[in-house]
């Protein structure tokens, strides 16, 4: 039976489409507007729709699935080597068709409507945290130039600013006072937004059995558990715990040939936000383990790693192990049970 493959180069307004009935051969090309592309998906017979996993790909992937098509989203980094010559929309669609023939490229699952809002909450929170840090650092720098040092701690900045602005003896130009006050109000507003998002995440976590099970793992808190569910969706698509660790870039980079096997630093592939959260979780477990008289097997292993290879490498090794525990707990639908040493 002849199968049809439709390669789509996504855009904001104009979509380039290549239709193939035989591998490697483009039978028809179309250049459609956003409205006409929607009509094309609903009117065309069911086919294999292939796109790069880039901006709006999950939205259009769901639209194509609703129209009865089979959707495959390919990682853009793996598609690029198949694009020959100059980078154009036509060349991109041809490259997508060629990359789709490589069964070694694992497609990205289409995110559900429930996953994407959860991911968006994390993105907004991360953006606000970054903005808050920037404003705090700016305030510290400005006040330092005026001869006043604020003690360490992000929570001390805004109260100290208001104390200074209320002090008539504080030598600051009048032109600076409204600006400093507005910066303090902005930081307070950002704090409120961040807390509001965390409250939303807490509400989502309370209604999700998967998140509740992940929260039983040491070093996995609210942010990490919700980010894992939002990003990964279904853990069953990973055939093993090591596959998940490799997906998140926590396994060593390998450069081997013949009988020589060389392992280097971690690959840092995959989602950097998730990887950062897991590494911070590893650091927190290490910090807590030092205060225990009788640590369990996991924490004892982590402390032994720290003595052998140092704190930072031990935190990354522990993040790798926590990722594997996440896979086992999530897949087996069971809570984490600490093992005595």
C-alpha atoms as a PDB file:
ATOM      1  CA  UNK A   1       0.000   0.000   0.000  1.00  0.00           C
ATOM      2  CA  UNK A   2       1.389   3.396  -0.969  1.00  0.00           C
ATOM      3  CA  UNK A   3       1.974   5.772   1.954  1.00  0.00           C
ATOM      4  CA  UNK A   4       2.150   9.532   1.758  1.00  0.00           C
ATOM      5  CA  UNK A   5       4.597  11.610   3.758  1.00  0.00           C
ATOM      6  CA  UNK A   6       4.052  15.340   4.207  1.00  0.00           C
ATOM      7  CA  UNK A   7       7.056  17.378   5.335  1.00  0.00           C
ATOM      8  CA  UNK A   8       6.180  20.764   6.825  1.00  0.00           C
ATOM      9  CA  UNK A   9       8.540  23.669   7.420  1.00  0.00           C
ATOM     10  CA  UNK A  10       6.755  25.618  10.155  1.00  0.00           C
ATOM     11  CA  UNK A  11       6.588  29.392  10.279  1.00  0.00           C
ATOM     12  CA  UNK A  12       4.447  32.184  11.703  1.00  0.00           C
ATOM     13  CA  UNK A  13       2.648  33.033   8.471  1.00  0.00           C
ATOM     14  CA  UNK A  14       3.848  30.998   5.455  1.00  0.00           C
ATOM     15  CA  UNK A  15       4.210  27.205   5.573  1.00  0.00           C
ATOM     16  CA  UNK A  16       6.311  25.290   3.044  1.00  0.00           C
ATOM     17  CA  UNK A  17       5.015  21.773   2.338  1.00  0.00           C
ATOM     18  CA  UNK A  18       6.607  18.888   0.449  1.00  0.00           C
ATOM     19  CA  UNK A  19       4.495  15.825  -0.361  1.00  0.00           C
ATOM     20  CA  UNK A  20       6.207  12.513  -1.084  1.00  0.00           C
ATOM     21  CA  UNK A  21       4.708   9.195  -2.172  1.00  0.00           C
ATOM     22  CA  UNK A  22       8.062   7.412  -2.565  1.00  0.00           C
ATOM     23  CA  UNK A  23      11.124   7.699  -0.288  1.00  0.00           C
ATOM     24  CA  UNK A  24      13.474  10.446  -1.449  1.00  0.00           C
ATOM     25  CA  UNK A  25      11.143  11.809  -4.154  1.00  0.00           C
ATOM     26  CA  UNK A  26       9.125  15.018  -3.761  1.00  0.00           C
ATOM     27  CA  UNK A  27       5.948  14.694  -5.822  1.00  0.00           C
ATOM     28  CA  UNK A  28       4.320  18.017  -4.975  1.00  0.00           C
ATOM     29  CA  UNK A  29       5.118  21.266  -3.210  1.00  0.00           C
ATOM     30  CA  UNK A  30       2.820  23.834  -1.675  1.00  0.00           C
ATOM     31  CA  UNK A  31       3.289  27.219  -0.033  1.00  0.00           C
ATOM     32  CA  UNK A  32       0.327  27.961   2.226  1.00  0.00           C
ATOM     33  CA  UNK A  33      -0.807  30.667   4.596  1.00  0.00           C
ATOM     34  CA  UNK A  34      -1.752  29.829   8.156  1.00  0.00           C
ATOM     35  CA  UNK A  35      -5.477  29.630   7.344  1.00  0.00           C
ATOM     36  CA  UNK A  36      -4.964  27.572   4.191  1.00  0.00           C
ATOM     37  CA  UNK A  37      -2.586  25.235   6.033  1.00  0.00           C
ATOM     38  CA  UNK A  38      -5.321  24.449   8.564  1.00  0.00           C
ATOM     39  CA  UNK A  39      -7.737  23.665   5.710  1.00  0.00           C
ATOM     40  CA  UNK A  40      -5.077  21.531   4.026  1.00  0.00           C
ATOM     41  CA  UNK A  41      -4.662  19.359   7.135  1.00  0.00           C
ATOM     42  CA  UNK A  42      -8.399  18.763   7.503  1.00  0.00           C
ATOM     43  CA  UNK A  43      -9.064  18.084   3.815  1.00  0.00           C
ATOM     44  CA  UNK A  44      -6.062  15.854   3.014  1.00  0.00           C
ATOM     45  CA  UNK A  45      -6.286  12.082   3.339  1.00  0.00           C
ATOM     46  CA  UNK A  46      -4.570  10.614   6.436  1.00  0.00           C
ATOM     47  CA  UNK A  47      -0.814  10.675   5.942  1.00  0.00           C
ATOM     48  CA  UNK A  48       2.483  10.836   7.834  1.00  0.00           C
ATOM     49  CA  UNK A  49       3.082  14.471   8.771  1.00  0.00           C
ATOM     50  CA  UNK A  50       6.731  15.191   9.639  1.00  0.00           C
ATOM     51  CA  UNK A  51       7.913  18.435  11.210  1.00  0.00           C
ATOM     52  CA  UNK A  52      10.854  19.732  13.193  1.00  0.00           C
ATOM     53  CA  UNK A  53      10.244  19.911  16.952  1.00  0.00           C
ATOM     54  CA  UNK A  54      10.494  23.698  17.053  1.00  0.00           C
ATOM     55  CA  UNK A  55       8.188  26.578  17.979  1.00  0.00           C
ATOM     56  CA  UNK A  56       4.446  25.798  17.503  1.00  0.00           C
ATOM     57  CA  UNK A  57       5.278  22.203  16.464  1.00  0.00           C
ATOM     58  CA  UNK A  58       3.257  20.653  19.297  1.00  0.00           C
ATOM     59  CA  UNK A  59       0.229  22.848  18.517  1.00  0.00           C
ATOM     60  CA  UNK A  60       0.267  21.909  14.831  1.00  0.00           C
ATOM     61  CA  UNK A  61       1.048  18.316  15.738  1.00  0.00           C
ATOM     62  CA  UNK A  62      -2.167  18.132  17.757  1.00  0.00           C
ATOM     63  CA  UNK A  63      -4.086  19.775  14.922  1.00  0.00           C
ATOM     64  CA  UNK A  64      -2.750  17.186  12.476  1.00  0.00           C
ATOM     65  CA  UNK A  65      -3.609  14.328  14.832  1.00  0.00           C
ATOM     66  CA  UNK A  66      -7.150  15.641  15.193  1.00  0.00           C
ATOM     67  CA  UNK A  67      -7.416  15.527  11.381  1.00  0.00           C
ATOM     68  CA  UNK A  68      -6.419  11.836  11.420  1.00  0.00           C
ATOM     69  CA  UNK A  69      -2.759  12.167  10.444  1.00  0.00           C
ATOM     70  CA  UNK A  70       0.190  10.367  12.016  1.00  0.00           C
ATOM     71  CA  UNK A  71       2.648  12.941  13.342  1.00  0.00           C
ATOM     72  CA  UNK A  72       6.402  12.694  13.816  1.00  0.00           C
ATOM     73  CA  UNK A  73       8.403  15.556  15.297  1.00  0.00           C
ATOM     74  CA  UNK A  74      12.136  15.340  14.573  1.00  0.00           C
ATOM     75  CA  UNK A  75      14.818  17.080  16.674  1.00  0.00           C
ATOM     76  CA  UNK A  76      16.061  20.082  14.623  1.00  0.00           C
ATOM     77  CA  UNK A  77      19.712  19.308  15.398  1.00  0.00           C
ATOM     78  CA  UNK A  78      19.393  15.940  13.677  1.00  0.00           C
ATOM     79  CA  UNK A  79      17.591  17.366  10.645  1.00  0.00           C
ATOM     80  CA  UNK A  80      20.155  20.068   9.854  1.00  0.00           C
ATOM     81  CA  UNK A  81      22.841  17.695   8.444  1.00  0.00           C
ATOM     82  CA  UNK A  82      20.339  16.541   5.806  1.00  0.00           C
ATOM     83  CA  UNK A  83      19.791  20.060   4.442  1.00  0.00           C
ATOM     84  CA  UNK A  84      21.951  20.439   1.325  1.00  0.00           C
ATOM     85  CA  UNK A  85      23.111  23.728  -0.107  1.00  0.00           C
ATOM     86  CA  UNK A  86      21.676  27.009   1.117  1.00  0.00           C
ATOM     87  CA  UNK A  87      19.137  27.030   3.907  1.00  0.00           C
ATOM     88  CA  UNK A  88      15.750  27.773   2.360  1.00  0.00           C
ATOM     89  CA  UNK A  89      12.223  26.606   3.110  1.00  0.00           C
ATOM     90  CA  UNK A  90      12.347  24.221   0.131  1.00  0.00           C
ATOM     91  CA  UNK A  91      15.679  22.797   1.253  1.00  0.00           C
ATOM     92  CA  UNK A  92      14.374  22.404   4.811  1.00  0.00           C
ATOM     93  CA  UNK A  93      11.376  20.333   3.738  1.00  0.00           C
ATOM     94  CA  UNK A  94      13.607  18.116   1.604  1.00  0.00           C
ATOM     95  CA  UNK A  95      15.962  17.700   4.582  1.00  0.00           C
ATOM     96  CA  UNK A  96      13.028  16.758   6.820  1.00  0.00           C
ATOM     97  CA  UNK A  97      11.974  14.062   4.352  1.00  0.00           C
ATOM     98  CA  UNK A  98      15.508  12.662   4.208  1.00  0.00           C
ATOM     99  CA  UNK A  99      15.929  12.712   7.993  1.00  0.00           C
ATOM    100  CA  UNK A 100      12.623  10.909   8.410  1.00  0.00           C
ATOM    101  CA  UNK A 101      14.055   7.937   6.511  1.00  0.00           C
ATOM    102  CA  UNK A 102      16.709   7.471   9.232  1.00  0.00           C
ATOM    103  CA  UNK A 103      15.209   5.124  11.826  1.00  0.00           C
ATOM    104  CA  UNK A 104      18.019   6.060  14.218  1.00  0.00           C
ATOM    105  CA  UNK A 105      16.414   9.461  14.823  1.00  0.00           C
ATOM    106  CA  UNK A 106      13.898   9.082  17.640  1.00  0.00           C
ATOM    107  CA  UNK A 107      10.856  11.368  17.169  1.00  0.00           C
ATOM    108  CA  UNK A 108       9.781  13.787  19.886  1.00  0.00           C
ATOM    109  CA  UNK A 109       6.315  12.939  21.271  1.00  0.00           C
ATOM    110  CA  UNK A 110       3.628  15.549  20.703  1.00  0.00           C
ATOM    111  CA  UNK A 111       2.881  17.285  23.984  1.00  0.00           C
ATOM    112  CA  UNK A 112      -0.656  17.170  25.278  1.00  0.00           C
ATOM    113  CA  UNK A 113      -2.793  20.202  26.095  1.00  0.00           C
ATOM    114  CA  UNK A 114      -2.197  19.467  29.801  1.00  0.00           C
ATOM    115  CA  UNK A 115       1.588  19.339  29.449  1.00  0.00           C
ATOM    116  CA  UNK A 116       2.140  22.650  27.710  1.00  0.00           C
ATOM    117  CA  UNK A 117       0.507  24.934  30.315  1.00  0.00           C
ATOM    118  CA  UNK A 118       2.572  23.216  33.004  1.00  0.00           C
ATOM    119  CA  UNK A 119       5.716  23.836  30.962  1.00  0.00           C
ATOM    120  CA  UNK A 120       4.636  27.449  30.442  1.00  0.00           C
ATOM    121  CA  UNK A 121       4.307  27.976  34.206  1.00  0.00           C
ATOM    122  CA  UNK A 122       7.915  26.871  34.657  1.00  0.00           C
ATOM    123  CA  UNK A 123       9.094  29.133  31.849  1.00  0.00           C
ATOM    124  CA  UNK A 124       7.327  32.163  33.264  1.00  0.00           C
ATOM    125  CA  UNK A 125       8.648  31.474  36.752  1.00  0.00           C
ATOM    126  CA  UNK A 126      12.183  31.013  35.441  1.00  0.00           C
ATOM    127  CA  UNK A 127      11.941  34.294  33.517  1.00  0.00           C
ATOM    128  CA  UNK A 128      10.688  36.187  36.571  1.00  0.00           C
ATOM    129  CA  UNK A 129      13.405  34.682  38.786  1.00  0.00           C
ATOM    130  CA  UNK A 130      16.052  35.784  36.280  1.00  0.00           C
ATOM    131  CA  UNK A 131      14.541  39.287  36.109  1.00  0.00           C
ATOM    132  CA  UNK A 132      14.385  39.537  39.899  1.00  0.00           C
ATOM    133  CA  UNK A 133      18.025  38.517  40.207  1.00  0.00           C
ATOM    134  CA  UNK A 134      18.994  41.140  37.641  1.00  0.00           C
ATOM    135  CA  UNK A 135      17.086  43.888  39.470  1.00  0.00           C
ATOM    136  CA  UNK A 136      18.573  42.909  42.831  1.00  0.00           C
ATOM    137  CA  UNK A 137      22.095  42.961  41.432  1.00  0.00           C
ATOM    138  CA  UNK A 138      21.470  46.348  39.826  1.00  0.00           C
ATOM    139  CA  UNK A 139      20.171  47.778  43.109  1.00  0.00           C
ATOM    140  CA  UNK A 140      23.169  46.417  44.994  1.00  0.00           C
ATOM    141  CA  UNK A 141      25.559  47.944  42.458  1.00  0.00           C
ATOM    142  CA  UNK A 142      23.868  51.360  42.479  1.00  0.00           C
ATOM    143  CA  UNK A 143      23.814  51.535  46.275  1.00  0.00           C
ATOM    144  CA  UNK A 144      27.402  50.348  46.488  1.00  0.00           C
ATOM    145  CA  UNK A 145      28.437  53.305  44.343  1.00  0.00           C
ATOM    146  CA  UNK A 146      26.594  55.552  46.804  1.00  0.00           C
ATOM    147  CA  UNK A 147      28.602  54.100  49.682  1.00  0.00           C
ATOM    148  CA  UNK A 148      26.118  51.616  51.155  1.00  0.00           C
ATOM    149  CA  UNK A 149      26.550  47.828  51.191  1.00  0.00           C
ATOM    150  CA  UNK A 150      23.509  45.561  51.566  1.00  0.00           C
ATOM    151  CA  UNK A 151      24.179  42.306  53.491  1.00  0.00           C
ATOM    152  CA  UNK A 152      24.016  39.025  51.602  1.00  0.00           C
ATOM    153  CA  UNK A 153      20.589  37.557  51.002  1.00  0.00           C
ATOM    154  CA  UNK A 154      18.018  38.394  48.343  1.00  0.00           C
ATOM    155  CA  UNK A 155      15.324  38.860  50.996  1.00  0.00           C
ATOM    156  CA  UNK A 156      17.305  41.670  52.630  1.00  0.00           C
ATOM    157  CA  UNK A 157      17.503  43.946  49.608  1.00  0.00           C
ATOM    158  CA  UNK A 158      13.998  45.435  49.464  1.00  0.00           C
ATOM    159  CA  UNK A 159      13.661  46.059  53.250  1.00  0.00           C
ATOM    160  CA  UNK A 160      17.081  47.725  53.304  1.00  0.00           C
ATOM    161  CA  UNK A 161      16.156  49.955  50.358  1.00  0.00           C
ATOM    162  CA  UNK A 162      12.974  51.140  52.073  1.00  0.00           C
ATOM    163  CA  UNK A 163      14.923  51.826  55.291  1.00  0.00           C
ATOM    164  CA  UNK A 164      17.446  53.892  53.367  1.00  0.00           C
ATOM    165  CA  UNK A 165      14.777  55.831  51.490  1.00  0.00           C
ATOM    166  CA  UNK A 166      13.058  56.618  54.787  1.00  0.00           C
ATOM    167  CA  UNK A 167      16.310  57.817  56.356  1.00  0.00           C
ATOM    168  CA  UNK A 168      16.619  61.583  55.928  1.00  0.00           C
ATOM    169  CA  UNK A 169      20.342  61.372  56.666  1.00  0.00           C
ATOM    170  CA  UNK A 170      21.013  58.946  53.789  1.00  0.00           C
ATOM    171  CA  UNK A 171      22.997  60.889  51.230  1.00  0.00           C
ATOM    172  CA  UNK A 172      21.352  60.003  47.947  1.00  0.00           C
ATOM    173  CA  UNK A 173      20.456  62.492  45.208  1.00  0.00           C
ATOM    174  CA  UNK A 174      16.741  63.321  45.156  1.00  0.00           C
ATOM    175  CA  UNK A 175      16.602  62.328  41.500  1.00  0.00           C
ATOM    176  CA  UNK A 176      17.537  58.746  42.514  1.00  0.00           C
ATOM    177  CA  UNK A 177      14.905  58.227  45.199  1.00  0.00           C
ATOM    178  CA  UNK A 178      11.912  57.593  42.866  1.00  0.00           C
ATOM    179  CA  UNK A 179      13.984  55.198  40.750  1.00  0.00           C
ATOM    180  CA  UNK A 180      15.147  53.196  43.779  1.00  0.00           C
ATOM    181  CA  UNK A 181      11.598  53.051  45.121  1.00  0.00           C
ATOM    182  CA  UNK A 182      10.239  51.827  41.784  1.00  0.00           C
ATOM    183  CA  UNK A 183      12.951  49.142  41.604  1.00  0.00           C
ATOM    184  CA  UNK A 184      12.030  47.939  45.098  1.00  0.00           C
ATOM    185  CA  UNK A 185       8.342  47.790  44.138  1.00  0.00           C
ATOM    186  CA  UNK A 186       9.212  45.849  40.978  1.00  0.00           C
ATOM    187  CA  UNK A 187      11.184  43.269  42.968  1.00  0.00           C
ATOM    188  CA  UNK A 188       8.262  42.882  45.392  1.00  0.00           C
ATOM    189  CA  UNK A 189       5.882  42.416  42.457  1.00  0.00           C
ATOM    190  CA  UNK A 190       8.163  39.773  40.924  1.00  0.00           C
ATOM    191  CA  UNK A 191       8.285  37.939  44.273  1.00  0.00           C
ATOM    192  CA  UNK A 192       4.487  37.867  44.367  1.00  0.00           C
ATOM    193  CA  UNK A 193       4.286  36.519  40.803  1.00  0.00           C
ATOM    194  CA  UNK A 194       6.821  33.783  41.562  1.00  0.00           C
ATOM    195  CA  UNK A 195       4.914  32.728  44.685  1.00  0.00           C
ATOM    196  CA  UNK A 196       1.647  32.711  42.742  1.00  0.00           C
ATOM    197  CA  UNK A 197       3.113  30.352  40.133  1.00  0.00           C
ATOM    198  CA  UNK A 198       4.496  28.082  42.845  1.00  0.00           C
ATOM    199  CA  UNK A 199       1.028  27.981  44.412  1.00  0.00           C
ATOM    200  CA  UNK A 200      -0.420  26.929  41.056  1.00  0.00           C
ATOM    201  CA  UNK A 201       2.224  24.220  40.721  1.00  0.00           C
ATOM    202  CA  UNK A 202       1.387  22.999  44.222  1.00  0.00           C
ATOM    203  CA  UNK A 203      -2.272  22.691  43.278  1.00  0.00           C
ATOM    204  CA  UNK A 204      -1.390  20.695  40.156  1.00  0.00           C
ATOM    205  CA  UNK A 205       0.939  18.453  42.171  1.00  0.00           C
ATOM    206  CA  UNK A 206      -1.768  17.609  44.707  1.00  0.00           C
ATOM    207  CA  UNK A 207      -4.019  16.257  41.958  1.00  0.00           C
ATOM    208  CA  UNK A 208      -1.337  14.238  40.152  1.00  0.00           C
ATOM    209  CA  UNK A 209      -0.428  10.764  41.500  1.00  0.00           C
ATOM    210  CA  UNK A 210       2.763  10.704  39.392  1.00  0.00           C
ATOM    211  CA  UNK A 211       4.026  13.953  40.903  1.00  0.00           C
ATOM    212  CA  UNK A 212       3.155  12.798  44.415  1.00  0.00           C
ATOM    213  CA  UNK A 213       5.204   9.633  43.932  1.00  0.00           C
ATOM    214  CA  UNK A 214       8.159  11.583  42.565  1.00  0.00           C
ATOM    215  CA  UNK A 215       8.073  13.876  45.601  1.00  0.00           C
ATOM    216  CA  UNK A 216       8.965  10.910  47.825  1.00  0.00           C
ATOM    217  CA  UNK A 217      12.432  10.737  46.217  1.00  0.00           C
ATOM    218  CA  UNK A 218      15.236  12.604  48.056  1.00  0.00           C
ATOM    219  CA  UNK A 219      16.318  15.728  46.184  1.00  0.00           C
ATOM    220  CA  UNK A 220      13.114  15.831  44.078  1.00  0.00           C
ATOM    221  CA  UNK A 221      11.023  18.814  45.133  1.00  0.00           C
ATOM    222  CA  UNK A 222       7.968  20.523  43.733  1.00  0.00           C
ATOM    223  CA  UNK A 223       9.767  22.269  40.869  1.00  0.00           C
ATOM    224  CA  UNK A 224      11.695  19.190  39.736  1.00  0.00           C
ATOM    225  CA  UNK A 225       8.723  16.816  39.969  1.00  0.00           C
ATOM    226  CA  UNK A 226       6.351  19.077  38.031  1.00  0.00           C
ATOM    227  CA  UNK A 227       9.022  19.922  35.451  1.00  0.00           C
ATOM    228  CA  UNK A 228       9.696  16.222  34.864  1.00  0.00           C
ATOM    229  CA  UNK A 229       6.014  15.461  34.268  1.00  0.00           C
ATOM    230  CA  UNK A 230       5.587  18.546  32.071  1.00  0.00           C
ATOM    231  CA  UNK A 231       8.640  17.837  29.899  1.00  0.00           C
ATOM    232  CA  UNK A 232       8.664  14.043  29.677  1.00  0.00           C
ATOM    233  CA  UNK A 233       4.939  13.347  29.676  1.00  0.00           C
ATOM    234  CA  UNK A 234       5.100   9.557  29.710  1.00  0.00           C
ATOM    235  CA  UNK A 235       8.127   7.806  31.180  1.00  0.00           C
ATOM    236  CA  UNK A 236       7.287   4.564  29.329  1.00  0.00           C
ATOM    237  CA  UNK A 237       8.823   5.993  26.153  1.00  0.00           C
ATOM    238  CA  UNK A 238      12.248   5.484  27.779  1.00  0.00           C
ATOM    239  CA  UNK A 239      13.237   1.840  27.541  1.00  0.00           C
ATOM    240  CA  UNK A 240      15.573   2.000  30.549  1.00  0.00           C
ATOM    241  CA  UNK A 241      16.699   4.259  33.373  1.00  0.00           C
ATOM    242  CA  UNK A 242      20.000   4.870  31.604  1.00  0.00           C
ATOM    243  CA  UNK A 243      18.109   5.950  28.504  1.00  0.00           C
ATOM    244  CA  UNK A 244      16.408   8.666  30.570  1.00  0.00           C
ATOM    245  CA  UNK A 245      19.742   9.773  32.066  1.00  0.00           C
ATOM    246  CA  UNK A 246      21.248   9.931  28.600  1.00  0.00           C
ATOM    247  CA  UNK A 247      18.239  11.918  27.343  1.00  0.00           C
ATOM    248  CA  UNK A 248      18.880  14.525  30.055  1.00  0.00           C
ATOM    249  CA  UNK A 249      22.616  14.707  29.310  1.00  0.00           C
ATOM    250  CA  UNK A 250      23.772  13.210  32.619  1.00  0.00           C
ATOM    251  CA  UNK A 251      25.794  10.316  31.173  1.00  0.00           C
ATOM    252  CA  UNK A 252      29.497  10.538  30.211  1.00  0.00           C
ATOM    253  CA  UNK A 253      30.514  11.578  26.729  1.00  0.00           C
ATOM    254  CA  UNK A 254      32.152   8.595  25.019  1.00  0.00           C
ATOM    255  CA  UNK A 255      35.026   8.584  22.540  1.00  0.00           C
ATOM    256  CA  UNK A 256      35.911   4.986  21.864  1.00  0.00           C
ATOM    257  CA  UNK A 257      37.501   2.917  19.126  1.00  0.00           C
ATOM    258  CA  UNK A 258      38.408  -0.750  19.015  1.00  0.00           C
ATOM    259  CA  UNK A 259      39.401  -1.949  22.468  1.00  0.00           C
ATOM    260  CA  UNK A 260      39.956   1.575  23.738  1.00  0.00           C
ATOM    261  CA  UNK A 261      37.042   3.135  25.587  1.00  0.00           C
ATOM    262  CA  UNK A 262      37.300   6.739  26.769  1.00  0.00           C
ATOM    263  CA  UNK A 263      34.653   8.357  28.944  1.00  0.00           C
ATOM    264  CA  UNK A 264      34.696  12.091  29.522  1.00  0.00           C
ATOM    265  CA  UNK A 265      32.444  14.733  31.007  1.00  0.00           C
ATOM    266  CA  UNK A 266      28.669  14.532  30.859  1.00  0.00           C
ATOM    267  CA  UNK A 267      27.169  15.198  27.434  1.00  0.00           C
ATOM    268  CA  UNK A 268      24.856  18.055  28.594  1.00  0.00           C
ATOM    269  CA  UNK A 269      22.332  17.054  25.950  1.00  0.00           C
ATOM    270  CA  UNK A 270      18.634  17.444  26.448  1.00  0.00           C
ATOM    271  CA  UNK A 271      16.769  19.979  28.562  1.00  0.00           C
ATOM    272  CA  UNK A 272      19.232  22.207  30.518  1.00  0.00           C
ATOM    273  CA  UNK A 273      16.485  23.373  32.902  1.00  0.00           C
ATOM    274  CA  UNK A 274      15.668  19.823  34.019  1.00  0.00           C
ATOM    275  CA  UNK A 275      19.346  18.931  34.278  1.00  0.00           C
ATOM    276  CA  UNK A 276      20.013  21.977  36.462  1.00  0.00           C
ATOM    277  CA  UNK A 277      17.134  21.116  38.787  1.00  0.00           C
ATOM    278  CA  UNK A 278      18.370  17.533  39.185  1.00  0.00           C
ATOM    279  CA  UNK A 279      21.935  18.654  39.926  1.00  0.00           C
ATOM    280  CA  UNK A 280      20.659  21.119  42.528  1.00  0.00           C
ATOM    281  CA  UNK A 281      18.686  18.234  43.989  1.00  0.00           C
ATOM    282  CA  UNK A 282      21.885  16.207  44.199  1.00  0.00           C
ATOM    283  CA  UNK A 283      23.592  19.076  46.039  1.00  0.00           C
ATOM    284  CA  UNK A 284      20.737  19.306  48.545  1.00  0.00           C
ATOM    285  CA  UNK A 285      20.898  15.564  49.261  1.00  0.00           C
ATOM    286  CA  UNK A 286      24.648  15.807  49.835  1.00  0.00           C
ATOM    287  CA  UNK A 287      24.213  18.774  52.147  1.00  0.00           C
ATOM    288  CA  UNK A 288      21.533  16.984  54.165  1.00  0.00           C
ATOM    289  CA  UNK A 289      23.483  13.707  54.332  1.00  0.00           C
ATOM    290  CA  UNK A 290      26.349  15.381  56.192  1.00  0.00           C
ATOM    291  CA  UNK A 291      24.048  16.141  59.103  1.00  0.00           C
ATOM    292  CA  UNK A 292      22.795  12.587  59.547  1.00  0.00           C
ATOM    293  CA  UNK A 293      24.353  10.199  62.049  1.00  0.00           C
ATOM    294  CA  UNK A 294      23.243   7.099  60.132  1.00  0.00           C
ATOM    295  CA  UNK A 295      22.616   7.951  56.464  1.00  0.00           C
ATOM    296  CA  UNK A 296      20.793   5.431  54.296  1.00  0.00           C
ATOM    297  CA  UNK A 297      22.473   3.611  51.428  1.00  0.00           C
ATOM    298  CA  UNK A 298      21.852   6.359  48.861  1.00  0.00           C
ATOM    299  CA  UNK A 299      23.238   9.144  51.041  1.00  0.00           C
ATOM    300  CA  UNK A 300      26.146   7.008  52.211  1.00  0.00           C
ATOM    301  CA  UNK A 301      27.032   6.319  48.576  1.00  0.00           C
ATOM    302  CA  UNK A 302      26.841  10.032  47.819  1.00  0.00           C
ATOM    303  CA  UNK A 303      29.155  10.908  50.725  1.00  0.00           C
ATOM    304  CA  UNK A 304      31.633   8.265  49.598  1.00  0.00           C
ATOM    305  CA  UNK A 305      31.574   9.715  46.062  1.00  0.00           C
ATOM    306  CA  UNK A 306      32.226  13.162  47.500  1.00  0.00           C
ATOM    307  CA  UNK A 307      35.290  11.932  49.382  1.00  0.00           C
ATOM    308  CA  UNK A 308      36.649  10.276  46.240  1.00  0.00           C
ATOM    309  CA  UNK A 309      35.932  12.805  43.476  1.00  0.00           C
ATOM    310  CA  UNK A 310      34.912  16.054  45.159  1.00  0.00           C
ATOM    311  CA  UNK A 311      31.639  17.819  45.843  1.00  0.00           C
ATOM    312  CA  UNK A 312      30.701  19.011  42.343  1.00  0.00           C
ATOM    313  CA  UNK A 313      31.338  15.722  40.562  1.00  0.00           C
ATOM    314  CA  UNK A 314      29.570  13.848  43.354  1.00  0.00           C
ATOM    315  CA  UNK A 315      26.517  16.102  42.942  1.00  0.00           C
ATOM    316  CA  UNK A 316      26.379  15.295  39.229  1.00  0.00           C
ATOM    317  CA  UNK A 317      26.848  11.576  39.867  1.00  0.00           C
ATOM    318  CA  UNK A 318      24.036  11.730  42.402  1.00  0.00           C
ATOM    319  CA  UNK A 319      21.834  13.602  39.909  1.00  0.00           C
ATOM    320  CA  UNK A 320      22.408  10.720  37.493  1.00  0.00           C
ATOM    321  CA  UNK A 321      21.381   8.219  40.151  1.00  0.00           C
ATOM    322  CA  UNK A 322      18.331  10.275  41.139  1.00  0.00           C
ATOM    323  CA  UNK A 323      17.244  10.307  37.495  1.00  0.00           C
ATOM    324  CA  UNK A 324      17.369   6.511  37.406  1.00  0.00           C
ATOM    325  CA  UNK A 325      15.358   6.351  40.624  1.00  0.00           C
ATOM    326  CA  UNK A 326      12.823   8.707  39.043  1.00  0.00           C
ATOM    327  CA  UNK A 327      12.451   6.314  36.118  1.00  0.00           C
ATOM    328  CA  UNK A 328      11.924   3.291  38.398  1.00  0.00           C
ATOM    329  CA  UNK A 329       9.453   5.039  40.719  1.00  0.00           C
ATOM    330  CA  UNK A 330       7.486   6.549  37.846  1.00  0.00           C
ATOM    331  CA  UNK A 331       7.394   3.422  35.698  1.00  0.00           C
ATOM    332  CA  UNK A 332       6.517   1.026  38.534  1.00  0.00           C
ATOM    333  CA  UNK A 333       4.001   3.463  40.062  1.00  0.00           C
ATOM    334  CA  UNK A 334       5.406   3.064  43.532  1.00  0.00           C
ATOM    335  CA  UNK A 335       6.808   5.377  46.185  1.00  0.00           C
ATOM    336  CA  UNK A 336      10.517   5.584  46.934  1.00  0.00           C
ATOM    337  CA  UNK A 337      11.585   3.434  49.860  1.00  0.00           C
ATOM    338  CA  UNK A 338      14.982   4.283  51.439  1.00  0.00           C
ATOM    339  CA  UNK A 339      17.293   1.305  51.917  1.00  0.00           C
ATOM    340  CA  UNK A 340      19.196   1.138  55.233  1.00  0.00           C
ATOM    341  CA  UNK A 341      22.945   1.043  54.935  1.00  0.00           C
END
